[in-house]
Amino acid sequence: MNESTLAVDTEAAADAFGVLADDSRVDILLALWDEEQSSFEDLRRAAGIDDSGRFNYHLDKLLNRFVQKTDDGYRLTSLGANVVDLLLDARFGLSPPPIDELTSVDCPDCGDRLHVYYEDGDMRLACPSCGAVVHYGFFPPRGRATRTAEETIDAYSRQVWRDVTLAYRGVCPHCSGRMETRIEVDPDWSIAVAAQGRCSDCGAPYSFPIGLHLLAEPAVVSFLADHGTFVDDRRFWELDFVYDDAVSVVSESPPRYRVTITAGAERLEVTLDGQCEIVDIARHLPH
């Protein structure tokens, strides 16, 4: 296990989560989320607790950790706001409708069409015929609750574009810690050559095709825009260069990998080293 994952006071964490094991306290946090700052009586009414003594007991359990008392009333601490954000993300007790949509992309393993699936927060680009999983990610149920299937898929694709942009710049999409990325050949999934990232602070892994990693590279974005393709307006799996057919191993020592992006009569060749750093970009114009 990564050392950063061990740097947690498990007793203090268990105590903190134990404080939340009461629905009245969750009601108080949600009421403060709506009001931002509130007096004692206003907060009691917003939380729906009639008995002042009972309300004061539960509020006292939250103080100095999840709720802060100020001269103007009560407000959420940063930790309290994060807890509410998690509650809204997970939408406990609610199950947004699942998604199963056929894409125009062929499975890299068997050639059948991939589907995009969504259920309980999990988004997968996978093959129903052979079971190959080409992409996997998380999209909060909160984001699905008010969107159609089409809108959800579009929003998720934009979220991935943001995440790979962060990872490309060495920022963990999960905790904003430091992320290092390397290229791995034959990883344990359906992509032959992949970018594998891991956060040195929270230990979270992040894996994606090399072509997807390049959606944050200005030269790639500019090249595509010159040909009328805007990466944040397209579902990433619709871009031909994202997957294996566009990737070639140029050299094993030193490791060099090339992604070829074709648009019209032009092509852009991007060469990367083993740490996923770009070492060369060549734009080839038609003769």
C-alpha atoms as a PDB file:
ATOM      1  CA  MET A   1       0.000   0.000   0.000  1.00  0.00           C
ATOM      2  CA  ASN A   2       1.198   3.524  -0.795  1.00  0.00           C
ATOM      3  CA  GLU A   3       2.669   5.288   2.255  1.00  0.00           C
ATOM      4  CA  SER A   4       0.389   8.271   1.676  1.00  0.00           C
ATOM      5  CA  THR A   5      -2.660   6.042   2.197  1.00  0.00           C
ATOM      6  CA  LEU A   6      -1.288   4.959   5.561  1.00  0.00           C
ATOM      7  CA  ALA A   7      -0.818   8.553   6.767  1.00  0.00           C
ATOM      8  CA  VAL A   8      -4.356   8.637   8.203  1.00  0.00           C
ATOM      9  CA  ASP A   9      -5.323   8.664  11.857  1.00  0.00           C
ATOM     10  CA  THR A  10      -7.839   5.836  11.527  1.00  0.00           C
ATOM     11  CA  GLU A  11      -9.168   6.302  15.068  1.00  0.00           C
ATOM     12  CA  ALA A  12      -9.876   9.994  14.453  1.00  0.00           C
ATOM     13  CA  ALA A  13     -11.424   9.184  11.070  1.00  0.00           C
ATOM     14  CA  ALA A  14     -13.704   6.525  12.575  1.00  0.00           C
ATOM     15  CA  ASP A  15     -14.736   8.961  15.304  1.00  0.00           C
ATOM     16  CA  ALA A  16     -15.556  11.631  12.706  1.00  0.00           C
ATOM     17  CA  PHE A  17     -17.673   9.274  10.626  1.00  0.00           C
ATOM     18  CA  GLY A  18     -19.368   8.039  13.795  1.00  0.00           C
ATOM     19  CA  VAL A  19     -20.574  11.581  14.482  1.00  0.00           C
ATOM     20  CA  LEU A  20     -22.504  11.456  11.196  1.00  0.00           C
ATOM     21  CA  ALA A  21     -24.353   8.250  12.133  1.00  0.00           C
ATOM     22  CA  ASP A  22     -27.580  10.096  12.884  1.00  0.00           C
ATOM     23  CA  ASP A  23     -30.058  11.433  10.342  1.00  0.00           C
ATOM     24  CA  SER A  24     -30.755  14.591  12.394  1.00  0.00           C
ATOM     25  CA  ARG A  25     -27.119  15.629  12.089  1.00  0.00           C
ATOM     26  CA  VAL A  26     -27.200  14.995   8.351  1.00  0.00           C
ATOM     27  CA  ASP A  27     -30.349  17.191   8.207  1.00  0.00           C
ATOM     28  CA  ILE A  28     -28.445  19.984   9.966  1.00  0.00           C
ATOM     29  CA  LEU A  29     -25.558  19.790   7.497  1.00  0.00           C
ATOM     30  CA  LEU A  30     -27.910  19.825   4.518  1.00  0.00           C
ATOM     31  CA  ALA A  31     -29.798  22.796   5.967  1.00  0.00           C
ATOM     32  CA  LEU A  32     -26.551  24.743   6.324  1.00  0.00           C
ATOM     33  CA  TRP A  33     -25.632  23.878   2.747  1.00  0.00           C
ATOM     34  CA  ASP A  34     -28.841  25.603   1.628  1.00  0.00           C
ATOM     35  CA  GLU A  35     -28.529  28.591   3.959  1.00  0.00           C
ATOM     36  CA  GLU A  36     -24.707  29.003   4.021  1.00  0.00           C
ATOM     37  CA  GLN A  37     -24.993  30.733   7.408  1.00  0.00           C
ATOM     38  CA  SER A  38     -27.847  30.586   9.885  1.00  0.00           C
ATOM     39  CA  SER A  39     -28.907  31.522  13.397  1.00  0.00           C
ATOM     40  CA  PHE A  40     -29.713  28.839  15.960  1.00  0.00           C
ATOM     41  CA  GLU A  41     -33.498  29.086  15.550  1.00  0.00           C
ATOM     42  CA  ASP A  42     -33.447  29.450  11.776  1.00  0.00           C
ATOM     43  CA  LEU A  43     -31.165  26.431  11.480  1.00  0.00           C
ATOM     44  CA  ARG A  44     -33.374  24.376  13.817  1.00  0.00           C
ATOM     45  CA  ARG A  45     -36.444  25.111  11.714  1.00  0.00           C
ATOM     46  CA  ALA A  46     -34.603  24.459   8.427  1.00  0.00           C
ATOM     47  CA  ALA A  47     -33.382  21.091   9.751  1.00  0.00           C
ATOM     48  CA  GLY A  48     -36.953  20.159  10.711  1.00  0.00           C
ATOM     49  CA  ILE A  49     -36.188  19.457  14.394  1.00  0.00           C
ATOM     50  CA  ASP A  50     -38.962  20.696  16.730  1.00  0.00           C
ATOM     51  CA  ASP A  51     -37.312  20.043  20.092  1.00  0.00           C
ATOM     52  CA  SER A  52     -34.703  22.752  20.882  1.00  0.00           C
ATOM     53  CA  GLY A  53     -32.882  20.567  23.409  1.00  0.00           C
ATOM     54  CA  ARG A  54     -32.601  17.673  20.963  1.00  0.00           C
ATOM     55  CA  PHE A  55     -31.474  20.033  18.225  1.00  0.00           C
ATOM     56  CA  ASN A  56     -28.831  21.595  20.484  1.00  0.00           C
ATOM     57  CA  TYR A  57     -27.523  18.132  21.400  1.00  0.00           C
ATOM     58  CA  HIS A  58     -27.005  17.118  17.767  1.00  0.00           C
ATOM     59  CA  LEU A  59     -25.601  20.512  16.748  1.00  0.00           C
ATOM     60  CA  ASP A  60     -23.066  20.304  19.577  1.00  0.00           C
ATOM     61  CA  LYS A  61     -21.818  16.967  18.176  1.00  0.00           C
ATOM     62  CA  LEU A  62     -21.085  18.660  14.847  1.00  0.00           C
ATOM     63  CA  LEU A  63     -19.378  21.789  16.190  1.00  0.00           C
ATOM     64  CA  ASN A  64     -15.674  22.453  15.613  1.00  0.00           C
ATOM     65  CA  ARG A  65     -15.406  19.657  13.074  1.00  0.00           C
ATOM     66  CA  PHE A  66     -18.239  19.935  10.565  1.00  0.00           C
ATOM     67  CA  VAL A  67     -19.914  23.149  11.766  1.00  0.00           C
ATOM     68  CA  GLN A  68     -18.393  26.385  13.008  1.00  0.00           C
ATOM     69  CA  LYS A  69     -20.080  28.931  15.283  1.00  0.00           C
ATOM     70  CA  THR A  70     -19.392  32.567  14.389  1.00  0.00           C
ATOM     71  CA  ASP A  71     -20.665  35.924  15.652  1.00  0.00           C
ATOM     72  CA  ASP A  72     -23.265  35.830  12.880  1.00  0.00           C
ATOM     73  CA  GLY A  73     -24.488  32.287  13.448  1.00  0.00           C
ATOM     74  CA  TYR A  74     -23.470  28.840  12.214  1.00  0.00           C
ATOM     75  CA  ARG A  75     -21.800  27.751   8.982  1.00  0.00           C
ATOM     76  CA  LEU A  76     -20.210  24.658   7.510  1.00  0.00           C
ATOM     77  CA  THR A  77     -16.480  24.143   7.904  1.00  0.00           C
ATOM     78  CA  SER A  78     -14.509  23.057   4.821  1.00  0.00           C
ATOM     79  CA  LEU A  79     -14.764  19.450   6.032  1.00  0.00           C
ATOM     80  CA  GLY A  80     -18.495  19.834   6.562  1.00  0.00           C
ATOM     81  CA  ALA A  81     -18.918  21.205   3.041  1.00  0.00           C
ATOM     82  CA  ASN A  82     -16.969  18.236   1.652  1.00  0.00           C
ATOM     83  CA  VAL A  83     -19.227  15.833   3.544  1.00  0.00           C
ATOM     84  CA  VAL A  84     -22.349  17.451   2.091  1.00  0.00           C
ATOM     85  CA  ASP A  85     -20.789  17.408  -1.358  1.00  0.00           C
ATOM     86  CA  LEU A  86     -20.258  13.652  -0.981  1.00  0.00           C
ATOM     87  CA  LEU A  87     -23.850  13.185   0.190  1.00  0.00           C
ATOM     88  CA  LEU A  88     -25.159  15.036  -2.859  1.00  0.00           C
ATOM     89  CA  ASP A  89     -22.776  13.212  -5.193  1.00  0.00           C
ATOM     90  CA  ALA A  90     -23.869   9.786  -3.991  1.00  0.00           C
ATOM     91  CA  ARG A  91     -27.584  10.642  -3.732  1.00  0.00           C
ATOM     92  CA  PHE A  92     -28.082   7.932  -1.124  1.00  0.00           C
ATOM     93  CA  GLY A  93     -31.314   6.064  -1.639  1.00  0.00           C
ATOM     94  CA  LEU A  94     -31.747   7.249  -5.222  1.00  0.00           C
ATOM     95  CA  SER A  95     -30.837   5.227  -8.307  1.00  0.00           C
ATOM     96  CA  PRO A  96     -30.721   7.343 -11.477  1.00  0.00           C
ATOM     97  CA  PRO A  97     -31.745   5.464 -14.644  1.00  0.00           C
ATOM     98  CA  PRO A  98     -28.966   3.315 -16.164  1.00  0.00           C
ATOM     99  CA  ILE A  99     -27.644   3.898 -19.686  1.00  0.00           C
ATOM    100  CA  ASP A 100     -26.817   1.413 -22.432  1.00  0.00           C
ATOM    101  CA  GLU A 101     -26.022   3.178 -25.700  1.00  0.00           C
ATOM    102  CA  LEU A 102     -24.439   1.829 -28.861  1.00  0.00           C
ATOM    103  CA  THR A 103     -21.419   3.804 -30.110  1.00  0.00           C
ATOM    104  CA  SER A 104     -19.818   4.037 -33.553  1.00  0.00           C
ATOM    105  CA  VAL A 105     -16.497   2.692 -32.199  1.00  0.00           C
ATOM    106  CA  ASP A 106     -15.237  -0.848 -32.870  1.00  0.00           C
ATOM    107  CA  CYS A 107     -13.995  -3.068 -30.039  1.00  0.00           C
ATOM    108  CA  PRO A 108     -10.171  -3.395 -30.209  1.00  0.00           C
ATOM    109  CA  ASP A 109     -10.429  -7.096 -29.299  1.00  0.00           C
ATOM    110  CA  CYS A 110     -13.269  -8.523 -31.401  1.00  0.00           C
ATOM    111  CA  GLY A 111     -14.339  -5.760 -33.790  1.00  0.00           C
ATOM    112  CA  ASP A 112     -17.961  -5.521 -32.622  1.00  0.00           C
ATOM    113  CA  ARG A 113     -19.394  -2.147 -31.683  1.00  0.00           C
ATOM    114  CA  LEU A 114     -18.670  -0.801 -28.220  1.00  0.00           C
ATOM    115  CA  HIS A 115     -21.433   0.362 -25.900  1.00  0.00           C
ATOM    116  CA  VAL A 116     -21.326   3.089 -23.283  1.00  0.00           C
ATOM    117  CA  TYR A 117     -22.876   1.960 -20.002  1.00  0.00           C
ATOM    118  CA  TYR A 118     -23.795   3.911 -16.884  1.00  0.00           C
ATOM    119  CA  GLU A 119     -25.097   2.556 -13.586  1.00  0.00           C
ATOM    120  CA  ASP A 120     -24.716   3.660  -9.950  1.00  0.00           C
ATOM    121  CA  GLY A 121     -22.016   6.181 -10.780  1.00  0.00           C
ATOM    122  CA  ASP A 122     -19.909   3.858 -12.956  1.00  0.00           C
ATOM    123  CA  MET A 123     -19.387   4.826 -16.598  1.00  0.00           C
ATOM    124  CA  ARG A 124     -17.884   2.175 -18.909  1.00  0.00           C
ATOM    125  CA  LEU A 125     -16.992   2.017 -22.573  1.00  0.00           C
ATOM    126  CA  ALA A 126     -17.138  -1.730 -23.141  1.00  0.00           C
ATOM    127  CA  CYS A 127     -17.933  -4.519 -25.578  1.00  0.00           C
ATOM    128  CA  PRO A 128     -21.088  -6.568 -24.890  1.00  0.00           C
ATOM    129  CA  SER A 129     -19.812  -9.398 -27.107  1.00  0.00           C
ATOM    130  CA  CYS A 130     -16.387 -10.176 -25.634  1.00  0.00           C
ATOM    131  CA  GLY A 131     -16.488  -8.202 -22.388  1.00  0.00           C
ATOM    132  CA  ALA A 132     -13.508  -5.943 -23.211  1.00  0.00           C
ATOM    133  CA  VAL A 133     -13.471  -2.721 -21.173  1.00  0.00           C
ATOM    134  CA  VAL A 134     -11.845   0.142 -23.063  1.00  0.00           C
ATOM    135  CA  HIS A 135     -12.558   2.936 -20.595  1.00  0.00           C
ATOM    136  CA  TYR A 136     -13.866   3.125 -17.042  1.00  0.00           C
ATOM    137  CA  GLY A 137     -14.663   6.130 -14.884  1.00  0.00           C
ATOM    138  CA  PHE A 138     -16.930   7.664 -12.249  1.00  0.00           C
ATOM    139  CA  PHE A 139     -19.729  10.143 -12.903  1.00  0.00           C
ATOM    140  CA  PRO A 140     -21.674  11.197  -9.793  1.00  0.00           C
ATOM    141  CA  PRO A 141     -25.360  10.228  -9.652  1.00  0.00           C
ATOM    142  CA  ARG A 142     -26.008  13.913  -8.915  1.00  0.00           C
ATOM    143  CA  GLY A 143     -24.874  14.675 -12.470  1.00  0.00           C
ATOM    144  CA  ARG A 144     -27.181  12.032 -13.933  1.00  0.00           C
ATOM    145  CA  ALA A 145     -30.280  12.912 -11.898  1.00  0.00           C
ATOM    146  CA  THR A 146     -31.439  15.855 -14.035  1.00  0.00           C
ATOM    147  CA  ARG A 147     -29.968  14.894 -17.434  1.00  0.00           C
ATOM    148  CA  THR A 148     -31.135  12.725 -20.302  1.00  0.00           C
ATOM    149  CA  ALA A 149     -28.922   9.825 -21.347  1.00  0.00           C
ATOM    150  CA  GLU A 150     -27.464  11.891 -24.209  1.00  0.00           C
ATOM    151  CA  GLU A 151     -26.752  14.861 -21.952  1.00  0.00           C
ATOM    152  CA  THR A 152     -25.145  12.600 -19.344  1.00  0.00           C
ATOM    153  CA  ILE A 153     -22.782  11.030 -21.871  1.00  0.00           C
ATOM    154  CA  ASP A 154     -21.799  14.445 -23.237  1.00  0.00           C
ATOM    155  CA  ALA A 155     -21.181  15.775 -19.715  1.00  0.00           C
ATOM    156  CA  TYR A 156     -19.083  12.748 -18.811  1.00  0.00           C
ATOM    157  CA  SER A 157     -16.932  13.143 -21.920  1.00  0.00           C
ATOM    158  CA  ARG A 158     -16.274  16.773 -20.966  1.00  0.00           C
ATOM    159  CA  GLN A 159     -15.430  15.678 -17.427  1.00  0.00           C
ATOM    160  CA  VAL A 160     -12.854  13.211 -18.796  1.00  0.00           C
ATOM    161  CA  TRP A 161     -11.365  15.970 -20.954  1.00  0.00           C
ATOM    162  CA  ARG A 162     -10.920  18.063 -17.795  1.00  0.00           C
ATOM    163  CA  ASP A 163      -9.429  15.133 -15.873  1.00  0.00           C
ATOM    164  CA  VAL A 164      -6.860  14.221 -18.524  1.00  0.00           C
ATOM    165  CA  THR A 165      -5.912  17.903 -18.795  1.00  0.00           C
ATOM    166  CA  LEU A 166      -5.152  17.920 -15.068  1.00  0.00           C
ATOM    167  CA  ALA A 167      -3.277  14.601 -15.195  1.00  0.00           C
ATOM    168  CA  TYR A 168      -1.291  15.814 -18.212  1.00  0.00           C
ATOM    169  CA  ARG A 169      -0.104  18.773 -16.118  1.00  0.00           C
ATOM    170  CA  GLY A 170       0.787  16.529 -13.167  1.00  0.00           C
ATOM    171  CA  VAL A 171      -2.283  17.330 -11.052  1.00  0.00           C
ATOM    172  CA  CYS A 172      -4.348  14.479  -9.588  1.00  0.00           C
ATOM    173  CA  PRO A 173      -7.994  14.759 -10.759  1.00  0.00           C
ATOM    174  CA  HIS A 174      -9.118  13.316  -7.406  1.00  0.00           C
ATOM    175  CA  CYS A 175      -7.234  15.276  -4.725  1.00  0.00           C
ATOM    176  CA  SER A 176      -5.138  17.839  -6.685  1.00  0.00           C
ATOM    177  CA  GLY A 177      -1.948  16.197  -5.416  1.00  0.00           C
ATOM    178  CA  ARG A 178       1.103  15.458  -7.561  1.00  0.00           C
ATOM    179  CA  MET A 179       0.591  12.908 -10.305  1.00  0.00           C
ATOM    180  CA  GLU A 180       3.317  11.132 -12.246  1.00  0.00           C
ATOM    181  CA  THR A 181       2.546   9.340 -15.500  1.00  0.00           C
ATOM    182  CA  ARG A 182       4.365   6.633 -17.436  1.00  0.00           C
ATOM    183  CA  ILE A 183       3.618   4.599 -20.539  1.00  0.00           C
ATOM    184  CA  GLU A 184       2.943   0.896 -20.140  1.00  0.00           C
ATOM    185  CA  VAL A 185       2.792  -1.677 -22.945  1.00  0.00           C
ATOM    186  CA  ASP A 186       0.241  -4.495 -22.572  1.00  0.00           C
ATOM    187  CA  PRO A 187      -1.418  -3.207 -19.397  1.00  0.00           C
ATOM    188  CA  ASP A 188      -4.008  -5.369 -17.722  1.00  0.00           C
ATOM    189  CA  TRP A 189      -6.931  -4.116 -19.812  1.00  0.00           C
ATOM    190  CA  SER A 190      -8.025  -3.864 -23.449  1.00  0.00           C
ATOM    191  CA  ILE A 191      -5.606  -1.124 -24.554  1.00  0.00           C
ATOM    192  CA  ALA A 192      -2.207  -2.267 -25.881  1.00  0.00           C
ATOM    193  CA  VAL A 193      -0.281   0.919 -24.983  1.00  0.00           C
ATOM    194  CA  ALA A 194      -1.598   3.091 -22.164  1.00  0.00           C
ATOM    195  CA  ALA A 195      -0.682   6.058 -20.008  1.00  0.00           C
ATOM    196  CA  GLN A 196      -0.669   5.027 -16.353  1.00  0.00           C
ATOM    197  CA  GLY A 197      -0.746   7.708 -13.690  1.00  0.00           C
ATOM    198  CA  ARG A 198      -0.583   7.508  -9.903  1.00  0.00           C
ATOM    199  CA  CYS A 199      -0.958  10.299  -7.383  1.00  0.00           C
ATOM    200  CA  SER A 200       1.965  10.523  -4.968  1.00  0.00           C
ATOM    201  CA  ASP A 201      -0.289  12.121  -2.332  1.00  0.00           C
ATOM    202  CA  CYS A 202      -3.530  10.092  -2.267  1.00  0.00           C
ATOM    203  CA  GLY A 203      -2.256   7.049  -4.178  1.00  0.00           C
ATOM    204  CA  ALA A 204      -5.164   7.114  -6.652  1.00  0.00           C
ATOM    205  CA  PRO A 205      -4.408   5.422 -10.002  1.00  0.00           C
ATOM    206  CA  TYR A 206      -5.482   6.912 -13.310  1.00  0.00           C
ATOM    207  CA  SER A 207      -5.170   4.987 -16.589  1.00  0.00           C
ATOM    208  CA  PHE A 208      -6.090   6.138 -20.071  1.00  0.00           C
ATOM    209  CA  PRO A 209      -5.111   5.630 -23.721  1.00  0.00           C
ATOM    210  CA  ILE A 210      -2.148   7.740 -24.860  1.00  0.00           C
ATOM    211  CA  GLY A 211      -4.273   9.514 -27.438  1.00  0.00           C
ATOM    212  CA  LEU A 212      -6.647  10.621 -24.703  1.00  0.00           C
ATOM    213  CA  HIS A 213      -3.674  11.968 -22.772  1.00  0.00           C
ATOM    214  CA  LEU A 214      -2.866  14.204 -25.765  1.00  0.00           C
ATOM    215  CA  LEU A 215      -6.211  16.001 -25.683  1.00  0.00           C
ATOM    216  CA  ALA A 216      -4.497  18.496 -23.363  1.00  0.00           C
ATOM    217  CA  GLU A 217      -1.580  19.171 -25.735  1.00  0.00           C
ATOM    218  CA  PRO A 218      -1.960  22.614 -27.402  1.00  0.00           C
ATOM    219  CA  ALA A 219      -0.407  21.441 -30.699  1.00  0.00           C
ATOM    220  CA  VAL A 220      -2.959  18.615 -30.926  1.00  0.00           C
ATOM    221  CA  VAL A 221      -5.884  20.850 -29.977  1.00  0.00           C
ATOM    222  CA  SER A 222      -4.763  23.452 -32.532  1.00  0.00           C
ATOM    223  CA  PHE A 223      -4.258  20.874 -35.295  1.00  0.00           C
ATOM    224  CA  LEU A 224      -7.753  19.459 -34.791  1.00  0.00           C
ATOM    225  CA  ALA A 225      -9.313  22.923 -34.563  1.00  0.00           C
ATOM    226  CA  ASP A 226      -7.713  23.826 -37.911  1.00  0.00           C
ATOM    227  CA  HIS A 227      -9.791  20.986 -39.335  1.00  0.00           C
ATOM    228  CA  GLY A 228     -13.019  21.883 -37.553  1.00  0.00           C
ATOM    229  CA  THR A 229     -12.774  19.426 -34.641  1.00  0.00           C
ATOM    230  CA  PHE A 230     -12.992  20.866 -31.120  1.00  0.00           C
ATOM    231  CA  VAL A 231     -11.987  18.280 -28.533  1.00  0.00           C
ATOM    232  CA  ASP A 232     -14.209  19.497 -25.698  1.00  0.00           C
ATOM    233  CA  ASP A 233     -17.275  19.307 -27.947  1.00  0.00           C
ATOM    234  CA  ARG A 234     -16.710  15.724 -29.093  1.00  0.00           C
ATOM    235  CA  ARG A 235     -17.120  12.465 -27.219  1.00  0.00           C
ATOM    236  CA  PHE A 236     -13.526  11.376 -26.827  1.00  0.00           C
ATOM    237  CA  TRP A 237     -14.137   7.830 -28.070  1.00  0.00           C
ATOM    238  CA  GLU A 238     -15.195   9.259 -31.443  1.00  0.00           C
ATOM    239  CA  LEU A 239     -11.636  10.531 -32.086  1.00  0.00           C
ATOM    240  CA  ASP A 240      -9.757   7.935 -34.143  1.00  0.00           C
ATOM    241  CA  PHE A 241      -6.326   8.639 -32.658  1.00  0.00           C
ATOM    242  CA  VAL A 242      -7.401   7.888 -29.081  1.00  0.00           C
ATOM    243  CA  TYR A 243      -6.971   4.124 -29.469  1.00  0.00           C
ATOM    244  CA  ASP A 244      -4.383   1.550 -30.499  1.00  0.00           C
ATOM    245  CA  ASP A 245      -4.505   1.803 -34.289  1.00  0.00           C
ATOM    246  CA  ALA A 246      -2.952   5.262 -34.102  1.00  0.00           C
ATOM    247  CA  VAL A 247      -0.144   4.225 -31.703  1.00  0.00           C
ATOM    248  CA  SER A 248       3.178   2.689 -32.719  1.00  0.00           C
ATOM    249  CA  VAL A 249       6.278   1.715 -30.754  1.00  0.00           C
ATOM    250  CA  VAL A 250       9.174   3.593 -32.338  1.00  0.00           C
ATOM    251  CA  SER A 251      11.912   2.374 -30.012  1.00  0.00           C
ATOM    252  CA  GLU A 252      12.237   0.187 -26.925  1.00  0.00           C
ATOM    253  CA  SER A 253      15.572   1.634 -25.766  1.00  0.00           C
ATOM    254  CA  PRO A 254      15.098   4.465 -25.168  1.00  0.00           C
ATOM    255  CA  PRO A 255      11.327   3.963 -25.095  1.00  0.00           C
ATOM    256  CA  ARG A 256       9.588   6.035 -27.747  1.00  0.00           C
ATOM    257  CA  TYR A 257       5.918   5.892 -28.750  1.00  0.00           C
ATOM    258  CA  ARG A 258       4.248   7.693 -31.628  1.00  0.00           C
ATOM    259  CA  VAL A 259       0.633   8.762 -31.975  1.00  0.00           C
ATOM    260  CA  THR A 260      -0.426   9.632 -35.528  1.00  0.00           C
ATOM    261  CA  ILE A 261      -3.373  11.995 -35.862  1.00  0.00           C
ATOM    262  CA  THR A 262      -4.907  12.343 -39.318  1.00  0.00           C
ATOM    263  CA  ALA A 263      -7.242  15.118 -40.411  1.00  0.00           C
ATOM    264  CA  GLY A 264      -8.068  15.624 -44.064  1.00  0.00           C
ATOM    265  CA  ALA A 265      -4.868  15.315 -46.084  1.00  0.00           C
ATOM    266  CA  GLU A 266      -2.661  16.307 -43.133  1.00  0.00           C
ATOM    267  CA  ARG A 267      -1.239  14.303 -40.273  1.00  0.00           C
ATOM    268  CA  LEU A 268       0.351  15.173 -36.959  1.00  0.00           C
ATOM    269  CA  GLU A 269       2.910  12.796 -35.450  1.00  0.00           C
ATOM    270  CA  VAL A 270       3.481  13.110 -31.702  1.00  0.00           C
ATOM    271  CA  THR A 271       6.378  11.160 -30.170  1.00  0.00           C
ATOM    272  CA  LEU A 272       6.507  10.509 -26.426  1.00  0.00           C
ATOM    273  CA  ASP A 273       9.046   8.983 -24.050  1.00  0.00           C
ATOM    274  CA  GLY A 274       8.436   6.422 -21.302  1.00  0.00           C
ATOM    275  CA  GLN A 275       7.265   9.099 -18.847  1.00  0.00           C
ATOM    276  CA  CYS A 276       4.624  10.274 -21.321  1.00  0.00           C
ATOM    277  CA  GLU A 277       6.582  13.456 -22.066  1.00  0.00           C
ATOM    278  CA  ILE A 278       6.460  14.747 -25.645  1.00  0.00           C
ATOM    279  CA  VAL A 279       9.871  14.657 -27.310  1.00  0.00           C
ATOM    280  CA  ASP A 280       8.850  15.564 -30.855  1.00  0.00           C
ATOM    281  CA  ILE A 281       5.884  16.910 -32.813  1.00  0.00           C
ATOM    282  CA  ALA A 282       5.890  16.843 -36.620  1.00  0.00           C
ATOM    283  CA  ARG A 283       3.113  18.209 -38.808  1.00  0.00           C
ATOM    284  CA  HIS A 284       3.068  16.791 -42.300  1.00  0.00           C
ATOM    285  CA  LEU A 285       1.340  18.878 -44.955  1.00  0.00           C
ATOM    286  CA  PRO A 286      -0.002  17.423 -48.193  1.00  0.00           C
ATOM    287  CA  HIS A 287       2.360  17.649 -51.173  1.00  0.00           C
END
